[in-house]
């Protein structure tokens, strides 16, 4: 089983996360209802087991909670994948969500990078600041070592746009972490 448990405690957040790439229970508690919804959708659509507990300084705002969760989830993905042997490595996916359409392409390359192109007509969804979507994705990409491209092609509703981005990421990751049975990293270098 490819799994990882990561904890991280700072003055701003206290995070405990368990991830299984082969699936399992999904329990998410961040204190931000909309963010819980996004991460639950991410785990469900990715086919991942995810147990996550976050206590953050929500009296300030949601920034530290969202970004630090991206850091911890990224570290867990990197840990669960190990040397990245036998994975498909690449993934891409379009997700329509009512009037919105999002696209994700990624490479589990060991070279972290984020290209992000999305606008949010409404600034917030519940207690979630939509501007934090790029911060979460950047923290996740950097800490997992993934080259990540995300784009909202269009949409009028920030809830739909944000959810389509999280689900597109989940489906692209689901493709990329599939095992190909080679026992080797998919690279001409022989290592990722």
N, C-alpha and C. Protein backbone atom coordinates (compact mmCIF):
# COMPACT_ATOMS: atom_id res chain seq x y z
N UNK A 1 0.84 -1.20 0.00
CA UNK A 1 0.00 0.00 0.00
C UNK A 1 0.87 1.25 0.00
N UNK A 2 0.52 2.19 -0.85
CA UNK A 2 1.25 3.45 -0.90
C UNK A 2 0.52 4.45 -0.01
N UNK A 3 1.08 4.66 1.17
CA UNK A 3 0.43 5.57 2.10
C UNK A 3 1.46 6.39 2.85
N UNK A 4 0.97 7.41 3.53
CA UNK A 4 1.84 8.29 4.32
C UNK A 4 1.03 8.96 5.41
N UNK A 5 1.69 9.22 6.52
CA UNK A 5 1.11 10.01 7.61
C UNK A 5 2.05 11.17 7.87
N UNK A 6 1.51 12.37 7.88
CA UNK A 6 2.33 13.56 8.08
C UNK A 6 1.64 14.46 9.10
N UNK A 7 2.42 14.96 10.05
CA UNK A 7 1.91 15.96 10.99
C UNK A 7 2.80 17.20 10.88
N UNK A 8 2.21 18.33 11.15
CA UNK A 8 2.95 19.59 11.11
C UNK A 8 2.30 20.55 12.09
N UNK A 9 3.10 21.08 13.00
CA UNK A 9 2.59 22.03 13.99
C UNK A 9 3.42 23.30 13.95
N UNK A 10 2.74 24.43 13.78
CA UNK A 10 3.37 25.74 13.82
C UNK A 10 2.58 26.61 14.79
N UNK A 11 2.94 27.86 14.91
CA UNK A 11 2.15 28.78 15.74
C UNK A 11 0.80 29.11 15.11
N UNK A 12 0.67 28.77 13.81
CA UNK A 12 -0.56 29.13 13.09
C UNK A 12 -1.48 27.95 12.83
N UNK A 13 -0.91 26.75 12.69
CA UNK A 13 -1.73 25.58 12.39
C UNK A 13 -1.20 24.33 13.08
N UNK A 14 -2.09 23.39 13.31
CA UNK A 14 -1.74 22.06 13.82
C UNK A 14 -2.46 21.06 12.91
N UNK A 15 -1.67 20.31 12.12
CA UNK A 15 -2.25 19.46 11.08
C UNK A 15 -1.80 18.02 11.25
N UNK A 16 -2.76 17.11 11.12
CA UNK A 16 -2.50 15.68 11.11
C UNK A 16 -3.19 15.10 9.89
N UNK A 17 -2.42 14.39 9.05
CA UNK A 17 -2.96 13.90 7.79
C UNK A 17 -2.50 12.47 7.53
N UNK A 18 -3.43 11.66 7.07
CA UNK A 18 -3.14 10.29 6.65
C UNK A 18 -3.67 10.13 5.23
N UNK A 19 -2.82 9.64 4.32
CA UNK A 19 -3.17 9.51 2.91
C UNK A 19 -2.88 8.10 2.43
N UNK A 20 -3.80 7.52 1.67
CA UNK A 20 -3.58 6.23 1.03
C UNK A 20 -3.97 6.36 -0.43
N UNK A 21 -3.01 6.14 -1.33
CA UNK A 21 -3.28 6.29 -2.77
C UNK A 21 -4.21 5.22 -3.31
N UNK A 22 -4.34 4.10 -2.58
CA UNK A 22 -5.22 3.02 -3.01
C UNK A 22 -6.64 3.14 -2.48
N UNK A 23 -6.95 4.21 -1.78
CA UNK A 23 -8.31 4.42 -1.29
C UNK A 23 -8.42 4.19 0.20
N UNK A 24 -9.60 4.37 0.71
CA UNK A 24 -9.85 4.20 2.14
C UNK A 24 -10.85 5.23 2.63
N UNK A 25 -10.92 5.35 3.94
CA UNK A 25 -11.86 6.29 4.55
C UNK A 25 -11.50 7.73 4.19
N UNK A 26 -12.53 8.56 4.15
CA UNK A 26 -12.34 9.99 3.91
C UNK A 26 -13.01 10.74 5.06
N UNK A 27 -12.18 11.45 5.83
CA UNK A 27 -12.67 12.29 6.92
C UNK A 27 -11.85 13.57 6.89
N UNK A 28 -12.52 14.69 6.68
CA UNK A 28 -11.82 15.97 6.56
C UNK A 28 -12.45 16.98 7.51
N UNK A 29 -11.62 17.57 8.36
CA UNK A 29 -12.08 18.60 9.29
C UNK A 29 -11.03 19.71 9.34
N UNK A 30 -11.31 20.81 8.65
CA UNK A 30 -10.38 21.94 8.63
C UNK A 30 -10.92 23.16 9.37
N UNK A 31 -12.22 23.14 9.69
CA UNK A 31 -12.85 24.32 10.29
C UNK A 31 -13.41 25.27 9.24
N UNK A 32 -13.19 24.94 7.95
CA UNK A 32 -13.72 25.75 6.84
C UNK A 32 -14.60 24.83 6.01
N UNK A 33 -15.89 24.99 6.13
CA UNK A 33 -16.83 24.08 5.48
C UNK A 33 -16.61 23.89 4.00
N UNK A 34 -16.41 24.97 3.28
CA UNK A 34 -16.23 24.86 1.83
C UNK A 34 -14.93 24.14 1.49
N UNK A 35 -13.87 24.39 2.26
CA UNK A 35 -12.58 23.72 2.04
C UNK A 35 -12.72 22.23 2.34
N UNK A 36 -13.47 21.87 3.38
CA UNK A 36 -13.75 20.46 3.67
C UNK A 36 -14.43 19.81 2.46
N UNK A 37 -15.37 20.53 1.88
CA UNK A 37 -16.10 20.04 0.70
C UNK A 37 -15.14 19.82 -0.47
N UNK A 38 -14.21 20.75 -0.70
CA UNK A 38 -13.24 20.63 -1.80
C UNK A 38 -12.31 19.44 -1.59
N UNK A 39 -11.80 19.28 -0.37
CA UNK A 39 -10.86 18.20 -0.09
C UNK A 39 -11.55 16.84 -0.10
N UNK A 40 -12.80 16.80 0.33
CA UNK A 40 -13.57 15.56 0.27
C UNK A 40 -13.81 15.18 -1.19
N UNK A 41 -14.16 16.16 -2.01
CA UNK A 41 -14.34 15.91 -3.45
C UNK A 41 -13.02 15.46 -4.08
N UNK A 42 -11.92 16.10 -3.69
CA UNK A 42 -10.59 15.75 -4.20
C UNK A 42 -10.28 14.28 -3.90
N UNK A 43 -10.46 13.86 -2.66
CA UNK A 43 -10.17 12.48 -2.26
C UNK A 43 -11.11 11.50 -2.95
N UNK A 44 -12.39 11.84 -3.00
CA UNK A 44 -13.38 10.97 -3.64
C UNK A 44 -13.06 10.76 -5.11
N UNK A 45 -12.83 11.84 -5.84
CA UNK A 45 -12.59 11.75 -7.28
C UNK A 45 -11.20 11.21 -7.61
N UNK A 46 -10.27 11.36 -6.69
CA UNK A 46 -8.94 10.79 -6.90
C UNK A 46 -8.87 9.32 -6.52
N UNK A 47 -9.87 8.85 -5.78
CA UNK A 47 -9.85 7.48 -5.29
C UNK A 47 -8.88 7.28 -4.15
N UNK A 48 -8.64 8.36 -3.39
CA UNK A 48 -7.67 8.32 -2.30
C UNK A 48 -8.35 8.20 -0.95
N UNK A 49 -7.69 7.53 -0.02
CA UNK A 49 -8.10 7.58 1.37
C UNK A 49 -7.47 8.82 1.97
N UNK A 50 -8.25 9.61 2.68
CA UNK A 50 -7.73 10.86 3.27
C UNK A 50 -8.39 11.09 4.61
N UNK A 51 -7.57 11.12 5.64
CA UNK A 51 -8.04 11.50 6.97
C UNK A 51 -7.23 12.72 7.38
N UNK A 52 -7.93 13.82 7.63
CA UNK A 52 -7.27 15.11 7.83
C UNK A 52 -7.94 15.88 8.95
N UNK A 53 -7.12 16.34 9.88
CA UNK A 53 -7.59 17.19 10.96
C UNK A 53 -6.71 18.43 11.00
N UNK A 54 -7.34 19.60 10.92
CA UNK A 54 -6.60 20.86 10.92
C UNK A 54 -7.20 21.79 11.96
N UNK A 55 -6.34 22.33 12.80
CA UNK A 55 -6.74 23.41 13.70
C UNK A 55 -5.88 24.60 13.32
N UNK A 56 -6.53 25.62 12.78
CA UNK A 56 -5.80 26.79 12.31
C UNK A 56 -6.30 28.06 12.96
N UNK A 57 -5.55 29.13 12.72
CA UNK A 57 -5.90 30.44 13.30
C UNK A 57 -6.97 31.13 12.45
N UNK A 58 -8.14 30.52 12.43
CA UNK A 58 -9.24 31.04 11.62
C UNK A 58 -9.75 32.39 12.11
N UNK A 59 -9.36 32.76 13.34
CA UNK A 59 -9.73 34.10 13.82
C UNK A 59 -8.99 35.18 13.02
N UNK A 60 -7.87 34.79 12.38
CA UNK A 60 -7.14 35.73 11.50
C UNK A 60 -7.83 35.74 10.15
N UNK A 61 -7.79 34.61 9.46
CA UNK A 61 -8.52 34.34 8.22
C UNK A 61 -8.20 32.90 7.83
N UNK A 62 -8.53 32.50 6.62
CA UNK A 62 -8.34 31.10 6.24
C UNK A 62 -6.97 30.83 5.60
N UNK A 63 -6.15 31.85 5.42
CA UNK A 63 -4.91 31.71 4.66
C UNK A 63 -4.00 30.61 5.19
N UNK A 64 -3.63 30.67 6.45
CA UNK A 64 -2.67 29.71 6.99
C UNK A 64 -3.23 28.28 6.96
N UNK A 65 -4.50 28.14 7.25
CA UNK A 65 -5.12 26.82 7.25
C UNK A 65 -5.07 26.20 5.86
N UNK A 66 -5.45 26.96 4.84
CA UNK A 66 -5.49 26.43 3.48
C UNK A 66 -4.09 26.16 2.94
N UNK A 67 -3.21 27.13 3.07
CA UNK A 67 -1.85 26.96 2.54
C UNK A 67 -1.10 25.84 3.25
N UNK A 68 -1.18 25.79 4.56
CA UNK A 68 -0.46 24.76 5.31
C UNK A 68 -1.01 23.37 5.03
N UNK A 69 -2.30 23.27 4.76
CA UNK A 69 -2.88 21.99 4.36
C UNK A 69 -2.29 21.55 3.02
N UNK A 70 -2.10 22.48 2.10
CA UNK A 70 -1.45 22.17 0.83
C UNK A 70 -0.04 21.67 1.03
N UNK A 71 0.68 22.27 1.96
CA UNK A 71 2.05 21.85 2.27
C UNK A 71 2.05 20.40 2.76
N UNK A 72 1.20 20.11 3.73
CA UNK A 72 1.17 18.78 4.34
C UNK A 72 0.68 17.72 3.35
N UNK A 73 -0.35 18.04 2.57
CA UNK A 73 -0.85 17.08 1.58
C UNK A 73 0.22 16.82 0.52
N UNK A 74 0.95 17.85 0.12
CA UNK A 74 2.03 17.66 -0.85
C UNK A 74 3.13 16.76 -0.31
N UNK A 75 3.52 16.97 0.94
CA UNK A 75 4.55 16.13 1.57
C UNK A 75 4.07 14.68 1.66
N UNK A 76 2.79 14.49 1.97
CA UNK A 76 2.25 13.14 2.07
C UNK A 76 2.27 12.44 0.70
N UNK A 77 1.91 13.16 -0.36
CA UNK A 77 1.96 12.57 -1.71
C UNK A 77 3.39 12.15 -2.06
N UNK A 78 4.34 13.04 -1.81
CA UNK A 78 5.74 12.72 -2.11
C UNK A 78 6.19 11.48 -1.34
N UNK A 79 5.81 11.40 -0.07
CA UNK A 79 6.17 10.26 0.77
C UNK A 79 5.52 8.97 0.27
N UNK A 80 4.24 9.04 -0.06
CA UNK A 80 3.51 7.85 -0.49
C UNK A 80 4.05 7.32 -1.83
N UNK A 81 4.54 8.19 -2.68
CA UNK A 81 5.04 7.77 -3.99
C UNK A 81 6.47 7.25 -3.94
N UNK A 82 7.19 7.55 -2.87
CA UNK A 82 8.56 7.04 -2.74
C UNK A 82 9.44 7.45 -3.90
N UNK A 83 10.08 6.48 -4.56
CA UNK A 83 10.99 6.80 -5.68
C UNK A 83 10.24 6.94 -7.01
N UNK A 84 8.93 6.88 -6.97
CA UNK A 84 8.06 7.06 -8.13
C UNK A 84 8.20 5.95 -9.16
N UNK A 85 8.71 4.79 -8.75
CA UNK A 85 8.82 3.64 -9.66
C UNK A 85 7.44 3.18 -10.09
N UNK A 86 7.34 2.78 -11.32
CA UNK A 86 6.14 2.11 -11.85
C UNK A 86 4.89 2.97 -11.94
N UNK A 87 5.01 4.29 -11.88
CA UNK A 87 3.80 5.11 -12.03
C UNK A 87 3.68 5.64 -13.45
N UNK A 88 2.46 5.93 -13.86
CA UNK A 88 2.21 6.48 -15.19
C UNK A 88 2.86 7.86 -15.35
N UNK A 89 3.01 8.58 -14.25
CA UNK A 89 3.72 9.86 -14.15
C UNK A 89 2.91 11.06 -14.64
N UNK A 90 2.29 10.96 -15.79
CA UNK A 90 1.54 12.08 -16.37
C UNK A 90 0.04 11.87 -16.21
N UNK A 91 -0.68 12.97 -16.08
CA UNK A 91 -2.12 12.91 -16.03
C UNK A 91 -2.72 14.22 -16.50
N UNK A 92 -3.88 14.13 -17.11
CA UNK A 92 -4.60 15.34 -17.51
C UNK A 92 -6.09 15.05 -17.53
N UNK A 93 -6.88 16.08 -17.27
CA UNK A 93 -8.31 15.85 -17.17
C UNK A 93 -9.08 17.17 -17.27
N UNK A 94 -10.21 17.14 -17.98
CA UNK A 94 -11.18 18.24 -18.01
C UNK A 94 -12.33 17.89 -17.08
N UNK A 95 -12.80 18.88 -16.33
CA UNK A 95 -14.00 18.68 -15.51
C UNK A 95 -14.98 19.81 -15.77
N UNK A 96 -16.18 19.47 -16.28
CA UNK A 96 -17.26 20.46 -16.38
C UNK A 96 -18.04 20.47 -15.07
N UNK A 97 -18.41 21.64 -14.64
CA UNK A 97 -19.24 21.77 -13.44
C UNK A 97 -20.29 22.82 -13.77
N UNK A 98 -21.43 22.36 -14.22
CA UNK A 98 -22.48 23.26 -14.71
C UNK A 98 -21.91 24.18 -15.78
N UNK A 99 -21.89 25.50 -15.54
CA UNK A 99 -21.42 26.44 -16.57
C UNK A 99 -19.90 26.59 -16.62
N UNK A 100 -19.20 25.98 -15.66
CA UNK A 100 -17.74 26.13 -15.55
C UNK A 100 -17.03 24.92 -16.16
N UNK A 101 -15.83 25.18 -16.69
CA UNK A 101 -14.99 24.11 -17.22
C UNK A 101 -13.56 24.35 -16.78
N UNK A 102 -12.96 23.31 -16.17
CA UNK A 102 -11.58 23.42 -15.69
C UNK A 102 -10.73 22.30 -16.30
N UNK A 103 -9.44 22.57 -16.40
CA UNK A 103 -8.49 21.61 -16.97
C UNK A 103 -7.26 21.52 -16.07
N UNK A 104 -6.74 20.31 -15.93
CA UNK A 104 -5.51 20.07 -15.20
C UNK A 104 -4.61 19.16 -16.02
N UNK A 105 -3.34 19.51 -16.11
CA UNK A 105 -2.31 18.63 -16.66
C UNK A 105 -1.16 18.63 -15.66
N UNK A 106 -0.59 17.44 -15.41
CA UNK A 106 0.48 17.39 -14.42
C UNK A 106 1.49 16.31 -14.77
N UNK A 107 2.67 16.49 -14.18
CA UNK A 107 3.78 15.56 -14.34
C UNK A 107 4.39 15.37 -12.95
N UNK A 108 4.38 14.13 -12.48
CA UNK A 108 5.01 13.84 -11.19
C UNK A 108 6.50 13.66 -11.47
N UNK A 109 7.17 14.78 -11.61
CA UNK A 109 8.52 14.85 -12.18
C UNK A 109 9.62 15.03 -11.15
N UNK A 110 9.25 15.48 -9.96
CA UNK A 110 10.28 15.88 -9.00
C UNK A 110 10.73 17.32 -9.22
N UNK A 111 10.14 17.98 -10.22
CA UNK A 111 10.45 19.38 -10.51
C UNK A 111 9.19 20.21 -10.26
N UNK A 112 9.08 20.78 -9.06
CA UNK A 112 7.85 21.50 -8.72
C UNK A 112 7.68 22.78 -9.52
N UNK A 113 6.45 22.96 -10.01
CA UNK A 113 6.13 24.17 -10.77
C UNK A 113 4.61 24.29 -10.79
N UNK A 114 4.12 25.53 -10.76
CA UNK A 114 2.68 25.76 -10.88
C UNK A 114 2.42 26.81 -11.94
N UNK A 115 1.59 26.47 -12.90
CA UNK A 115 1.00 27.43 -13.83
C UNK A 115 -0.49 27.43 -13.52
N UNK A 116 -1.02 28.58 -13.12
CA UNK A 116 -2.40 28.67 -12.65
C UNK A 116 -3.09 29.83 -13.35
N UNK A 117 -4.22 29.54 -13.97
CA UNK A 117 -4.98 30.57 -14.68
C UNK A 117 -6.46 30.39 -14.36
N UNK A 118 -6.94 31.19 -13.42
CA UNK A 118 -8.36 31.12 -13.05
C UNK A 118 -8.77 32.44 -12.43
N UNK A 119 -9.97 32.86 -12.77
CA UNK A 119 -10.57 34.05 -12.16
C UNK A 119 -11.83 33.63 -11.45
N UNK A 120 -12.10 34.30 -10.33
CA UNK A 120 -13.24 33.96 -9.49
C UNK A 120 -14.17 35.17 -9.39
N UNK A 121 -15.35 35.09 -10.03
CA UNK A 121 -16.28 36.23 -10.03
C UNK A 121 -16.71 36.64 -8.62
N UNK A 122 -16.90 35.67 -7.72
CA UNK A 122 -17.24 35.96 -6.34
C UNK A 122 -15.98 35.70 -5.50
N UNK A 123 -15.67 36.59 -4.60
CA UNK A 123 -14.40 36.52 -3.84
C UNK A 123 -14.38 35.40 -2.82
N UNK A 124 -15.53 35.03 -2.28
CA UNK A 124 -15.56 34.01 -1.24
C UNK A 124 -16.65 32.97 -1.49
N UNK A 125 -16.41 31.79 -0.96
CA UNK A 125 -17.42 30.72 -0.91
C UNK A 125 -17.48 30.30 0.55
N UNK A 126 -18.52 30.70 1.24
CA UNK A 126 -18.61 30.44 2.68
C UNK A 126 -17.45 31.13 3.38
N UNK A 127 -16.69 30.38 4.18
CA UNK A 127 -15.54 30.95 4.88
C UNK A 127 -14.24 30.77 4.12
N UNK A 128 -14.33 30.43 2.83
CA UNK A 128 -13.16 30.16 1.99
C UNK A 128 -12.94 31.32 1.04
N UNK A 129 -11.77 31.91 1.11
CA UNK A 129 -11.37 32.98 0.20
C UNK A 129 -10.89 32.33 -1.09
N UNK A 130 -11.57 32.59 -2.20
CA UNK A 130 -11.24 31.92 -3.47
C UNK A 130 -9.81 32.21 -3.93
N UNK A 131 -9.24 33.34 -3.51
CA UNK A 131 -7.85 33.64 -3.84
C UNK A 131 -6.89 32.63 -3.21
N UNK A 132 -7.36 31.86 -2.24
CA UNK A 132 -6.51 30.85 -1.60
C UNK A 132 -6.36 29.60 -2.44
N UNK A 133 -7.15 29.46 -3.50
CA UNK A 133 -7.04 28.28 -4.35
C UNK A 133 -5.65 28.18 -4.96
N UNK A 134 -5.14 29.28 -5.47
CA UNK A 134 -3.79 29.26 -6.05
C UNK A 134 -2.74 29.00 -4.98
N UNK A 135 -2.94 29.50 -3.77
CA UNK A 135 -1.98 29.27 -2.69
C UNK A 135 -1.95 27.80 -2.29
N UNK A 136 -3.12 27.17 -2.21
CA UNK A 136 -3.18 25.75 -1.92
C UNK A 136 -2.47 24.95 -3.01
N UNK A 137 -2.79 25.25 -4.26
CA UNK A 137 -2.22 24.50 -5.38
C UNK A 137 -0.70 24.68 -5.44
N UNK A 138 -0.22 25.88 -5.18
CA UNK A 138 1.23 26.12 -5.18
C UNK A 138 1.92 25.34 -4.07
N UNK A 139 1.35 25.40 -2.86
CA UNK A 139 1.93 24.67 -1.74
C UNK A 139 1.94 23.17 -2.02
N UNK A 140 0.86 22.67 -2.61
CA UNK A 140 0.78 21.25 -2.94
C UNK A 140 1.81 20.88 -3.99
N UNK A 141 1.91 21.64 -5.07
CA UNK A 141 2.86 21.34 -6.15
C UNK A 141 4.30 21.36 -5.67
N UNK A 142 4.66 22.39 -4.92
CA UNK A 142 6.04 22.54 -4.44
C UNK A 142 6.42 21.40 -3.51
N UNK A 143 5.54 21.05 -2.59
CA UNK A 143 5.88 20.04 -1.58
C UNK A 143 5.73 18.60 -2.07
N UNK A 144 5.01 18.40 -3.17
CA UNK A 144 4.90 17.06 -3.75
C UNK A 144 5.89 16.84 -4.87
N UNK A 145 6.51 17.92 -5.37
CA UNK A 145 7.44 17.80 -6.48
C UNK A 145 6.73 17.57 -7.81
N UNK A 146 5.58 18.18 -7.97
CA UNK A 146 4.77 17.99 -9.18
C UNK A 146 4.79 19.26 -10.03
N UNK A 147 4.93 19.07 -11.34
CA UNK A 147 4.71 20.15 -12.30
C UNK A 147 3.21 20.17 -12.55
N UNK A 148 2.57 21.26 -12.19
CA UNK A 148 1.11 21.33 -12.18
C UNK A 148 0.61 22.52 -12.98
N UNK A 149 -0.25 22.23 -13.95
CA UNK A 149 -0.90 23.27 -14.75
C UNK A 149 -2.40 23.17 -14.52
N UNK A 150 -3.00 24.26 -14.09
CA UNK A 150 -4.44 24.31 -13.83
C UNK A 150 -5.02 25.53 -14.52
N UNK A 151 -6.17 25.31 -15.15
CA UNK A 151 -6.79 26.44 -15.85
C UNK A 151 -8.31 26.33 -15.79
N UNK A 152 -8.95 27.46 -15.48
CA UNK A 152 -10.39 27.56 -15.63
C UNK A 152 -10.64 28.18 -16.99
N UNK A 153 -11.29 27.43 -17.86
CA UNK A 153 -11.53 27.95 -19.21
C UNK A 153 -12.65 28.99 -19.21
N UNK A 154 -13.66 28.77 -18.37
CA UNK A 154 -14.74 29.74 -18.20
C UNK A 154 -15.62 29.31 -17.05
N UNK A 155 -16.48 30.23 -16.64
CA UNK A 155 -17.42 29.97 -15.56
C UNK A 155 -17.90 31.28 -14.95
N UNK A 156 -19.09 31.24 -14.37
CA UNK A 156 -19.69 32.43 -13.76
C UNK A 156 -19.82 32.31 -12.25
N UNK A 157 -19.67 31.11 -11.72
CA UNK A 157 -19.91 30.86 -10.30
C UNK A 157 -18.63 30.35 -9.65
N UNK A 158 -18.13 31.07 -8.66
CA UNK A 158 -16.86 30.72 -8.03
C UNK A 158 -16.88 29.34 -7.38
N UNK A 159 -18.03 28.93 -6.84
CA UNK A 159 -18.14 27.59 -6.27
C UNK A 159 -17.86 26.55 -7.36
N UNK A 160 -18.52 26.70 -8.50
CA UNK A 160 -18.35 25.74 -9.59
C UNK A 160 -16.92 25.75 -10.14
N UNK A 161 -16.36 26.93 -10.30
CA UNK A 161 -14.99 27.05 -10.83
C UNK A 161 -14.00 26.38 -9.90
N UNK A 162 -14.09 26.68 -8.61
CA UNK A 162 -13.17 26.12 -7.62
C UNK A 162 -13.32 24.60 -7.55
N UNK A 163 -14.54 24.13 -7.49
CA UNK A 163 -14.77 22.69 -7.39
C UNK A 163 -14.27 21.96 -8.64
N UNK A 164 -14.48 22.55 -9.81
CA UNK A 164 -13.99 21.94 -11.05
C UNK A 164 -12.46 21.84 -11.03
N UNK A 165 -11.77 22.85 -10.49
CA UNK A 165 -10.30 22.81 -10.41
C UNK A 165 -9.82 21.70 -9.48
N UNK A 166 -10.42 21.58 -8.30
CA UNK A 166 -10.03 20.53 -7.36
C UNK A 166 -10.31 19.14 -7.94
N UNK A 167 -11.44 18.97 -8.60
CA UNK A 167 -11.78 17.67 -9.18
C UNK A 167 -10.89 17.34 -10.37
N UNK A 168 -10.55 18.34 -11.19
CA UNK A 168 -9.64 18.11 -12.31
C UNK A 168 -8.27 17.65 -11.79
N UNK A 169 -7.79 18.29 -10.73
CA UNK A 169 -6.54 17.87 -10.10
C UNK A 169 -6.64 16.42 -9.63
N UNK A 170 -7.73 16.07 -8.97
CA UNK A 170 -7.91 14.72 -8.45
C UNK A 170 -7.87 13.68 -9.56
N UNK A 171 -8.60 13.91 -10.63
CA UNK A 171 -8.64 12.94 -11.73
C UNK A 171 -7.30 12.83 -12.44
N UNK A 172 -6.61 13.95 -12.63
CA UNK A 172 -5.29 13.91 -13.26
C UNK A 172 -4.29 13.14 -12.39
N UNK A 173 -4.35 13.37 -11.07
CA UNK A 173 -3.48 12.62 -10.16
C UNK A 173 -3.81 11.13 -10.17
N UNK A 174 -5.09 10.82 -10.23
CA UNK A 174 -5.52 9.41 -10.27
C UNK A 174 -4.87 8.69 -11.45
N UNK A 175 -4.84 9.36 -12.62
CA UNK A 175 -4.18 8.80 -13.80
C UNK A 175 -2.68 8.66 -13.58
N UNK A 176 -2.08 9.72 -13.04
CA UNK A 176 -0.62 9.78 -12.93
C UNK A 176 -0.04 8.79 -11.92
N UNK A 177 -0.78 8.47 -10.85
CA UNK A 177 -0.24 7.56 -9.83
C UNK A 177 -0.52 6.09 -10.14
N UNK A 178 -1.25 5.82 -11.23
CA UNK A 178 -1.51 4.43 -11.61
C UNK A 178 -0.19 3.71 -11.85
N UNK A 179 -0.13 2.49 -11.36
CA UNK A 179 1.09 1.70 -11.51
C UNK A 179 1.12 1.04 -12.89
N UNK A 180 2.31 1.09 -13.53
CA UNK A 180 2.45 0.52 -14.87
C UNK A 180 3.16 -0.84 -14.87
N UNK A 181 3.59 -1.30 -13.70
CA UNK A 181 4.19 -2.62 -13.58
C UNK A 181 5.62 -2.75 -14.04
N UNK A 182 6.24 -1.67 -14.46
CA UNK A 182 7.62 -1.75 -14.97
C UNK A 182 8.66 -1.91 -13.88
N UNK A 183 8.33 -1.42 -12.68
CA UNK A 183 9.30 -1.45 -11.59
C UNK A 183 10.36 -0.37 -11.70
N UNK A 184 10.21 0.51 -12.69
CA UNK A 184 11.19 1.56 -12.93
C UNK A 184 10.48 2.91 -13.09
N UNK A 185 11.17 4.00 -12.76
CA UNK A 185 10.60 5.32 -13.04
C UNK A 185 10.48 5.54 -14.55
N UNK A 186 9.42 6.19 -14.96
CA UNK A 186 9.20 6.49 -16.38
C UNK A 186 10.03 7.73 -16.74
N UNK A 187 11.32 7.49 -17.03
CA UNK A 187 12.23 8.59 -17.33
C UNK A 187 13.44 8.04 -18.09
N UNK A 188 13.90 8.78 -19.09
CA UNK A 188 15.11 8.39 -19.80
C UNK A 188 16.34 8.49 -18.90
N UNK A 189 16.21 9.30 -17.84
CA UNK A 189 17.31 9.44 -16.87
C UNK A 189 17.41 8.23 -15.95
N UNK A 190 16.32 7.49 -15.83
CA UNK A 190 16.28 6.35 -14.93
C UNK A 190 15.90 6.71 -13.52
N UNK A 191 15.65 7.99 -13.27
CA UNK A 191 15.28 8.46 -11.94
C UNK A 191 14.41 9.70 -12.09
N UNK A 192 13.48 9.88 -11.15
CA UNK A 192 12.66 11.10 -11.11
C UNK A 192 12.98 11.86 -9.85
